[in-house]
N, C-alpha and C. Protein backbone atom coordinates (compact mmCIF):
# COMPACT_ATOMS: atom_id res chain seq x y z
N UNK A 1 76.22 88.97 87.45
CA UNK A 1 76.95 90.13 86.99
C UNK A 1 75.98 91.00 86.20
N UNK A 2 75.91 92.29 86.51
CA UNK A 2 75.01 93.17 85.76
C UNK A 2 75.39 93.24 84.28
N UNK A 3 74.39 93.25 83.46
CA UNK A 3 74.61 93.31 82.01
C UNK A 3 74.89 94.74 81.54
N UNK A 4 74.68 95.71 82.41
CA UNK A 4 74.73 97.11 82.01
C UNK A 4 76.14 97.67 81.91
N UNK A 5 77.15 96.89 82.19
CA UNK A 5 78.53 97.39 82.12
C UNK A 5 79.32 96.52 81.15
N UNK A 6 79.36 96.91 79.89
CA UNK A 6 80.04 96.08 78.90
C UNK A 6 81.54 95.93 79.16
N UNK A 7 82.16 96.92 79.79
CA UNK A 7 83.59 96.78 80.08
C UNK A 7 83.83 95.72 81.13
N UNK A 8 83.00 95.69 82.18
CA UNK A 8 83.15 94.65 83.19
C UNK A 8 82.85 93.28 82.58
N UNK A 9 81.90 93.22 81.66
CA UNK A 9 81.61 91.96 80.98
C UNK A 9 82.83 91.51 80.16
N UNK A 10 83.50 92.45 79.50
CA UNK A 10 84.69 92.11 78.72
C UNK A 10 85.83 91.66 79.63
N UNK A 11 85.97 92.30 80.78
CA UNK A 11 86.98 91.87 81.76
C UNK A 11 86.68 90.45 82.20
N UNK A 12 85.41 90.17 82.45
CA UNK A 12 85.01 88.82 82.86
C UNK A 12 85.34 87.79 81.77
N UNK A 13 85.16 88.18 80.51
CA UNK A 13 85.52 87.27 79.41
C UNK A 13 87.01 86.93 79.45
N UNK A 14 87.83 87.95 79.66
CA UNK A 14 89.27 87.71 79.78
C UNK A 14 89.60 86.83 80.96
N UNK A 15 88.91 87.04 82.07
CA UNK A 15 89.12 86.21 83.25
C UNK A 15 88.79 84.75 82.93
N UNK A 16 87.74 84.53 82.17
CA UNK A 16 87.37 83.17 81.81
C UNK A 16 88.45 82.51 80.94
N UNK A 17 89.09 83.29 80.07
CA UNK A 17 90.22 82.75 79.30
C UNK A 17 91.32 82.28 80.25
N UNK A 18 91.64 83.13 81.22
CA UNK A 18 92.70 82.79 82.19
C UNK A 18 92.32 81.55 83.00
N UNK A 19 91.10 81.55 83.54
CA UNK A 19 90.66 80.42 84.36
C UNK A 19 90.58 79.13 83.55
N UNK A 20 90.35 79.28 82.25
CA UNK A 20 90.32 78.12 81.35
C UNK A 20 91.71 77.64 80.96
N UNK A 21 92.76 78.32 81.44
CA UNK A 21 94.12 77.88 81.20
C UNK A 21 94.85 78.57 80.07
N UNK A 22 94.22 79.55 79.45
CA UNK A 22 94.88 80.23 78.33
C UNK A 22 95.40 81.60 78.78
N UNK A 23 96.46 81.57 79.55
CA UNK A 23 97.04 82.82 80.07
C UNK A 23 97.50 83.76 78.95
N UNK A 24 98.16 83.25 77.90
CA UNK A 24 98.59 84.16 76.84
C UNK A 24 97.41 84.89 76.18
N UNK A 25 96.33 84.17 75.90
CA UNK A 25 95.16 84.82 75.29
C UNK A 25 94.55 85.83 76.25
N UNK A 26 94.50 85.49 77.53
CA UNK A 26 93.96 86.41 78.53
C UNK A 26 94.82 87.67 78.59
N UNK A 27 96.13 87.50 78.54
CA UNK A 27 97.06 88.64 78.59
C UNK A 27 96.81 89.58 77.40
N UNK A 28 96.63 89.01 76.22
CA UNK A 28 96.35 89.83 75.03
C UNK A 28 94.99 90.53 75.18
N UNK A 29 94.00 89.79 75.62
CA UNK A 29 92.65 90.33 75.82
C UNK A 29 92.70 91.52 76.78
N UNK A 30 93.37 91.30 77.92
CA UNK A 30 93.45 92.35 78.92
C UNK A 30 94.25 93.56 78.41
N UNK A 31 95.31 93.31 77.66
CA UNK A 31 96.11 94.42 77.12
C UNK A 31 95.28 95.28 76.17
N UNK A 32 94.46 94.65 75.35
CA UNK A 32 93.60 95.40 74.44
C UNK A 32 92.57 96.22 75.22
N UNK A 33 92.01 95.63 76.27
CA UNK A 33 91.07 96.37 77.11
C UNK A 33 91.75 97.54 77.81
N UNK A 34 92.97 97.31 78.29
CA UNK A 34 93.70 98.39 78.98
C UNK A 34 93.95 99.55 78.01
N UNK A 35 94.24 99.24 76.77
CA UNK A 35 94.46 100.30 75.78
C UNK A 35 93.20 101.13 75.60
N UNK A 36 92.04 100.50 75.73
CA UNK A 36 90.78 101.23 75.63
C UNK A 36 90.48 102.05 76.89
N UNK A 37 90.73 101.45 78.04
CA UNK A 37 90.39 102.09 79.31
C UNK A 37 91.38 103.19 79.66
N UNK A 38 92.66 102.86 79.59
CA UNK A 38 93.72 103.81 79.90
C UNK A 38 93.88 104.07 81.39
N UNK A 39 94.97 104.74 81.73
CA UNK A 39 95.30 105.00 83.13
C UNK A 39 94.39 106.02 83.78
N UNK A 40 93.61 106.74 82.98
CA UNK A 40 92.69 107.73 83.54
C UNK A 40 91.24 107.29 83.42
N UNK A 41 91.02 106.04 83.06
CA UNK A 41 89.66 105.54 82.88
C UNK A 41 88.94 105.31 84.20
N UNK A 42 87.78 104.76 84.09
CA UNK A 42 86.92 104.46 85.24
C UNK A 42 87.71 103.65 86.27
N UNK A 43 87.74 104.11 87.53
CA UNK A 43 88.53 103.40 88.55
C UNK A 43 88.11 101.95 88.79
N UNK A 44 86.82 101.66 88.68
CA UNK A 44 86.37 100.28 88.85
C UNK A 44 86.94 99.40 87.75
N UNK A 45 86.88 99.88 86.53
CA UNK A 45 87.42 99.13 85.40
C UNK A 45 88.93 98.95 85.54
N UNK A 46 89.63 100.03 85.90
CA UNK A 46 91.09 99.94 86.06
C UNK A 46 91.47 98.98 87.17
N UNK A 47 90.74 99.04 88.29
CA UNK A 47 91.06 98.18 89.42
C UNK A 47 90.87 96.71 89.04
N UNK A 48 89.73 96.38 88.49
CA UNK A 48 89.45 94.99 88.13
C UNK A 48 90.42 94.49 87.07
N UNK A 49 90.61 95.29 86.03
CA UNK A 49 91.47 94.85 84.93
C UNK A 49 92.92 94.70 85.37
N UNK A 50 93.45 95.66 86.11
CA UNK A 50 94.84 95.56 86.57
C UNK A 50 95.01 94.37 87.52
N UNK A 51 94.02 94.16 88.37
CA UNK A 51 94.05 93.03 89.31
C UNK A 51 94.17 91.71 88.55
N UNK A 52 93.39 91.55 87.50
CA UNK A 52 93.45 90.31 86.73
C UNK A 52 94.65 90.26 85.79
N UNK A 53 95.08 91.41 85.27
CA UNK A 53 96.25 91.44 84.41
C UNK A 53 97.48 90.98 85.18
N UNK A 54 97.56 91.35 86.45
CA UNK A 54 98.70 90.92 87.27
C UNK A 54 98.77 89.39 87.31
N UNK A 55 97.62 88.76 87.37
CA UNK A 55 97.58 87.30 87.49
C UNK A 55 98.05 86.57 86.25
N UNK A 56 98.10 87.23 85.12
CA UNK A 56 98.52 86.55 83.89
C UNK A 56 99.93 86.96 83.46
N UNK A 57 100.63 87.70 84.29
CA UNK A 57 102.01 88.09 83.99
C UNK A 57 102.94 86.96 84.37
N UNK A 58 104.00 86.81 83.62
CA UNK A 58 105.01 85.77 83.91
C UNK A 58 106.11 86.31 84.82
N UNK A 59 106.43 87.59 84.69
CA UNK A 59 107.51 88.23 85.42
C UNK A 59 106.97 88.82 86.72
N UNK A 60 107.52 88.43 87.87
CA UNK A 60 107.03 88.97 89.14
C UNK A 60 107.10 90.50 89.25
N UNK A 61 108.08 91.11 88.61
CA UNK A 61 108.18 92.58 88.64
C UNK A 61 107.01 93.20 87.87
N UNK A 62 106.63 92.61 86.75
CA UNK A 62 105.48 93.09 85.99
C UNK A 62 104.19 92.85 86.77
N UNK A 63 104.12 91.71 87.43
CA UNK A 63 102.95 91.40 88.25
C UNK A 63 102.79 92.48 89.34
N UNK A 64 103.90 92.85 89.96
CA UNK A 64 103.88 93.90 90.98
C UNK A 64 103.38 95.22 90.40
N UNK A 65 103.87 95.58 89.23
CA UNK A 65 103.43 96.84 88.60
C UNK A 65 101.91 96.86 88.42
N UNK A 66 101.35 95.76 87.93
CA UNK A 66 99.91 95.70 87.70
C UNK A 66 99.14 95.71 89.01
N UNK A 67 99.66 95.01 90.02
CA UNK A 67 98.98 95.02 91.31
C UNK A 67 99.02 96.41 91.96
N UNK A 68 100.11 97.14 91.75
CA UNK A 68 100.16 98.51 92.25
C UNK A 68 99.16 99.41 91.51
N UNK A 69 99.01 99.18 90.22
CA UNK A 69 97.99 99.92 89.46
C UNK A 69 96.59 99.62 89.99
N UNK A 70 96.33 98.38 90.33
CA UNK A 70 95.02 97.99 90.88
C UNK A 70 94.80 98.70 92.22
N UNK A 71 95.83 98.75 93.06
CA UNK A 71 95.70 99.42 94.36
C UNK A 71 95.44 100.91 94.18
N UNK A 72 96.16 101.54 93.29
CA UNK A 72 95.94 102.98 93.04
C UNK A 72 94.52 103.23 92.52
N UNK A 73 94.05 102.36 91.67
CA UNK A 73 92.68 102.51 91.16
C UNK A 73 91.68 102.36 92.30
N UNK A 74 91.90 101.38 93.17
CA UNK A 74 90.99 101.20 94.32
C UNK A 74 90.99 102.43 95.21
N UNK A 75 92.16 103.04 95.36
CA UNK A 75 92.26 104.24 96.19
C UNK A 75 91.45 105.40 95.63
N UNK A 76 91.19 105.38 94.33
CA UNK A 76 90.41 106.45 93.71
C UNK A 76 88.95 106.05 93.47
N UNK A 77 88.60 104.85 93.85
CA UNK A 77 87.26 104.32 93.65
C UNK A 77 86.36 104.68 94.83
N UNK A 78 85.12 104.99 94.55
CA UNK A 78 84.15 105.29 95.61
C UNK A 78 83.18 104.13 95.76
N UNK A 79 82.60 104.03 96.95
CA UNK A 79 81.57 103.02 97.16
C UNK A 79 80.39 103.25 96.23
N UNK A 80 80.04 104.51 96.01
CA UNK A 80 78.92 104.79 95.11
C UNK A 80 79.17 104.21 93.72
N UNK A 81 80.38 104.38 93.20
CA UNK A 81 80.69 103.82 91.87
C UNK A 81 80.64 102.31 91.91
N UNK A 82 81.23 101.72 92.94
CA UNK A 82 81.25 100.26 93.04
C UNK A 82 79.82 99.72 93.10
N UNK A 83 78.96 100.39 93.85
CA UNK A 83 77.58 99.93 94.01
C UNK A 83 76.76 100.08 92.72
N UNK A 84 77.18 100.96 91.81
CA UNK A 84 76.47 101.03 90.54
C UNK A 84 76.69 99.75 89.73
N UNK A 85 77.78 99.06 90.01
CA UNK A 85 78.04 97.79 89.34
C UNK A 85 77.32 96.66 90.07
N UNK A 86 77.47 96.63 91.40
CA UNK A 86 76.78 95.62 92.20
C UNK A 86 76.51 96.19 93.58
N UNK A 87 75.27 96.10 94.01
CA UNK A 87 74.84 96.74 95.26
C UNK A 87 75.60 96.26 96.48
N UNK A 88 76.18 95.08 96.44
CA UNK A 88 76.87 94.54 97.61
C UNK A 88 78.31 95.03 97.75
N UNK A 89 78.83 95.70 96.74
CA UNK A 89 80.25 96.06 96.76
C UNK A 89 80.54 97.26 97.64
N UNK A 90 81.66 97.17 98.36
CA UNK A 90 82.22 98.29 99.11
C UNK A 90 83.72 98.26 98.86
N UNK A 91 84.29 99.41 98.62
CA UNK A 91 85.70 99.49 98.25
C UNK A 91 86.59 98.85 99.31
N UNK A 92 86.27 99.01 100.58
CA UNK A 92 87.10 98.42 101.64
C UNK A 92 87.23 96.91 101.47
N UNK A 93 86.25 96.28 100.87
CA UNK A 93 86.30 94.85 100.64
C UNK A 93 87.28 94.44 99.56
N UNK A 94 87.77 95.39 98.77
CA UNK A 94 88.76 95.08 97.73
C UNK A 94 90.17 94.92 98.32
N UNK A 95 90.42 95.63 99.42
CA UNK A 95 91.79 95.74 99.92
C UNK A 95 92.42 94.45 100.43
N UNK A 96 91.69 93.56 101.09
CA UNK A 96 92.38 92.33 101.52
C UNK A 96 93.01 91.57 100.35
N UNK A 97 92.29 91.42 99.27
CA UNK A 97 92.82 90.71 98.11
C UNK A 97 93.96 91.49 97.45
N UNK A 98 93.79 92.80 97.32
CA UNK A 98 94.84 93.61 96.71
C UNK A 98 96.13 93.52 97.50
N UNK A 99 96.04 93.62 98.83
CA UNK A 99 97.25 93.55 99.66
C UNK A 99 97.82 92.13 99.71
N UNK A 100 96.96 91.12 99.66
CA UNK A 100 97.46 89.75 99.57
C UNK A 100 98.33 89.59 98.32
N UNK A 101 97.81 90.07 97.19
CA UNK A 101 98.57 89.94 95.95
C UNK A 101 99.89 90.71 96.02
N UNK A 102 99.85 91.90 96.59
CA UNK A 102 101.10 92.67 96.72
C UNK A 102 102.08 91.96 97.65
N UNK A 103 101.58 91.38 98.73
CA UNK A 103 102.46 90.63 99.61
C UNK A 103 103.13 89.48 98.89
N UNK A 104 102.36 88.79 98.08
CA UNK A 104 102.92 87.67 97.31
C UNK A 104 103.93 88.18 96.28
N UNK A 105 103.63 89.31 95.64
CA UNK A 105 104.57 89.88 94.67
C UNK A 105 105.91 90.20 95.33
N UNK A 106 105.85 90.90 96.45
CA UNK A 106 107.08 91.27 97.13
C UNK A 106 107.82 90.04 97.65
N UNK A 107 107.10 89.01 98.07
CA UNK A 107 107.75 87.78 98.49
C UNK A 107 108.52 87.17 97.33
N UNK A 108 107.87 87.09 96.16
CA UNK A 108 108.53 86.53 94.98
C UNK A 108 109.78 87.31 94.62
N UNK A 109 109.74 88.63 94.86
CA UNK A 109 110.87 89.48 94.51
C UNK A 109 111.92 89.55 95.62
N UNK A 110 111.66 88.84 96.73
CA UNK A 110 112.65 88.76 97.80
C UNK A 110 112.60 89.87 98.83
N UNK A 111 111.61 90.76 98.76
CA UNK A 111 111.48 91.84 99.73
C UNK A 111 110.49 91.40 100.82
N UNK A 112 110.98 90.58 101.73
CA UNK A 112 110.11 89.94 102.71
C UNK A 112 109.54 90.94 103.72
N UNK A 113 110.28 91.99 104.02
CA UNK A 113 109.76 92.99 104.97
C UNK A 113 108.53 93.68 104.40
N UNK A 114 108.59 94.08 103.15
CA UNK A 114 107.44 94.74 102.53
C UNK A 114 106.31 93.74 102.32
N UNK A 115 106.66 92.51 102.01
CA UNK A 115 105.63 91.46 101.87
C UNK A 115 104.86 91.31 103.18
N UNK A 116 105.57 91.31 104.30
CA UNK A 116 104.92 91.19 105.61
C UNK A 116 104.02 92.40 105.89
N UNK A 117 104.46 93.59 105.46
CA UNK A 117 103.63 94.79 105.64
C UNK A 117 102.30 94.63 104.93
N UNK A 118 102.34 94.12 103.71
CA UNK A 118 101.10 93.94 102.95
C UNK A 118 100.25 92.81 103.55
N UNK A 119 100.89 91.80 104.07
CA UNK A 119 100.16 90.74 104.76
C UNK A 119 99.37 91.33 105.92
N UNK A 120 100.00 92.18 106.71
CA UNK A 120 99.32 92.79 107.85
C UNK A 120 98.23 93.77 107.41
N UNK A 121 98.49 94.52 106.34
CA UNK A 121 97.46 95.42 105.80
C UNK A 121 96.24 94.62 105.34
N UNK A 122 96.48 93.50 104.70
CA UNK A 122 95.36 92.65 104.25
C UNK A 122 94.58 92.12 105.44
N UNK A 123 95.28 91.63 106.44
CA UNK A 123 94.59 91.10 107.62
C UNK A 123 93.79 92.18 108.33
N UNK A 124 94.32 93.39 108.36
CA UNK A 124 93.64 94.49 109.04
C UNK A 124 92.34 94.87 108.33
N UNK A 125 92.22 94.56 107.06
CA UNK A 125 91.04 94.92 106.27
C UNK A 125 90.02 93.78 106.14
N UNK A 126 90.34 92.61 106.68
CA UNK A 126 89.46 91.45 106.50
C UNK A 126 88.06 91.66 107.05
N UNK A 127 87.91 92.43 108.10
CA UNK A 127 86.58 92.63 108.68
C UNK A 127 85.60 93.24 107.68
N UNK A 128 86.11 93.94 106.68
CA UNK A 128 85.24 94.55 105.67
C UNK A 128 84.48 93.49 104.87
N UNK A 129 84.95 92.25 104.91
CA UNK A 129 84.33 91.19 104.12
C UNK A 129 83.24 90.43 104.85
N UNK A 130 83.20 90.55 106.17
CA UNK A 130 82.23 89.78 106.93
C UNK A 130 82.65 88.32 106.97
N UNK A 131 81.68 87.47 107.21
CA UNK A 131 81.92 86.02 107.29
C UNK A 131 81.22 85.36 106.11
N UNK A 132 81.99 84.94 105.15
CA UNK A 132 81.45 84.24 103.99
C UNK A 132 82.56 83.38 103.38
N UNK A 133 82.23 82.65 102.35
CA UNK A 133 83.21 81.75 101.74
C UNK A 133 84.40 82.50 101.15
N UNK A 134 84.13 83.67 100.55
CA UNK A 134 85.21 84.46 99.98
C UNK A 134 86.17 84.91 101.07
N UNK A 135 85.65 85.41 102.19
CA UNK A 135 86.50 85.84 103.29
C UNK A 135 87.30 84.67 103.85
N UNK A 136 86.68 83.50 103.95
CA UNK A 136 87.39 82.32 104.45
C UNK A 136 88.52 81.92 103.50
N UNK A 137 88.27 82.01 102.20
CA UNK A 137 89.31 81.69 101.22
C UNK A 137 90.47 82.68 101.32
N UNK A 138 90.15 83.96 101.51
CA UNK A 138 91.22 84.95 101.65
C UNK A 138 92.01 84.72 102.93
N UNK A 139 91.34 84.39 104.02
CA UNK A 139 92.05 84.10 105.27
C UNK A 139 93.02 82.93 105.06
N UNK A 140 92.56 81.90 104.38
CA UNK A 140 93.42 80.74 104.11
C UNK A 140 94.61 81.15 103.23
N UNK A 141 94.36 81.99 102.23
CA UNK A 141 95.44 82.44 101.36
C UNK A 141 96.45 83.30 102.15
N UNK A 142 95.95 84.12 103.05
CA UNK A 142 96.85 84.94 103.88
C UNK A 142 97.66 84.06 104.82
N UNK A 143 97.05 83.02 105.36
CA UNK A 143 97.79 82.08 106.20
C UNK A 143 98.89 81.40 105.39
N UNK A 144 98.58 81.07 104.14
CA UNK A 144 99.58 80.46 103.26
C UNK A 144 100.74 81.40 102.99
N UNK A 145 100.41 82.67 102.74
CA UNK A 145 101.47 83.65 102.52
C UNK A 145 102.33 83.79 103.78
N UNK A 146 101.69 83.86 104.94
CA UNK A 146 102.43 83.98 106.20
C UNK A 146 103.38 82.80 106.37
N UNK A 147 102.90 81.62 106.02
CA UNK A 147 103.76 80.42 106.12
C UNK A 147 104.94 80.50 105.17
N UNK A 148 104.68 80.95 103.93
CA UNK A 148 105.78 81.06 102.96
C UNK A 148 106.78 82.13 103.38
N UNK A 149 106.31 83.14 104.09
CA UNK A 149 107.21 84.21 104.53
C UNK A 149 108.06 83.78 105.72
N UNK A 150 107.55 82.84 106.50
CA UNK A 150 108.29 82.41 107.69
C UNK A 150 108.33 83.49 108.74
N UNK A 151 109.12 83.27 109.75
CA UNK A 151 109.24 84.24 110.84
C UNK A 151 110.17 85.36 110.45
N UNK A 152 109.86 86.60 110.88
CA UNK A 152 110.78 87.71 110.60
C UNK A 152 112.13 87.47 111.26
N UNK A 153 113.16 87.93 110.61
CA UNK A 153 114.51 87.74 111.15
C UNK A 153 114.85 88.78 112.17
């Protein structure tokens, strides 16, 4: 991770709290960062932070709100900005994960038709990731979501 972006480093610190099992502390950490960044802040920061904030929410409706914020931020993000953080990043590569999360949110909320739409949007964007471990993990997660959704009625 580049050292030149202190906000991304702070987001990573919050992520480590979450991965270490302290969701409440991560939620507070992320909320404080969001107050600094704001809804008009850097799209890369908003996308990453909202994406991780969704993961520490207890309420599926709140999780959906944060995942929608992450998607809107990605929609305003450019490849040039993403590459200033890491040369390998391309915005199209963000969408499979963002749509996977939205599909899961809508599934939890009982809107299976919209969940399936996001599942298909995620699958349609998978080629942006190439063939690597991350892409394989996302494919497996999408297969899991498809299984939880069952067949359309």
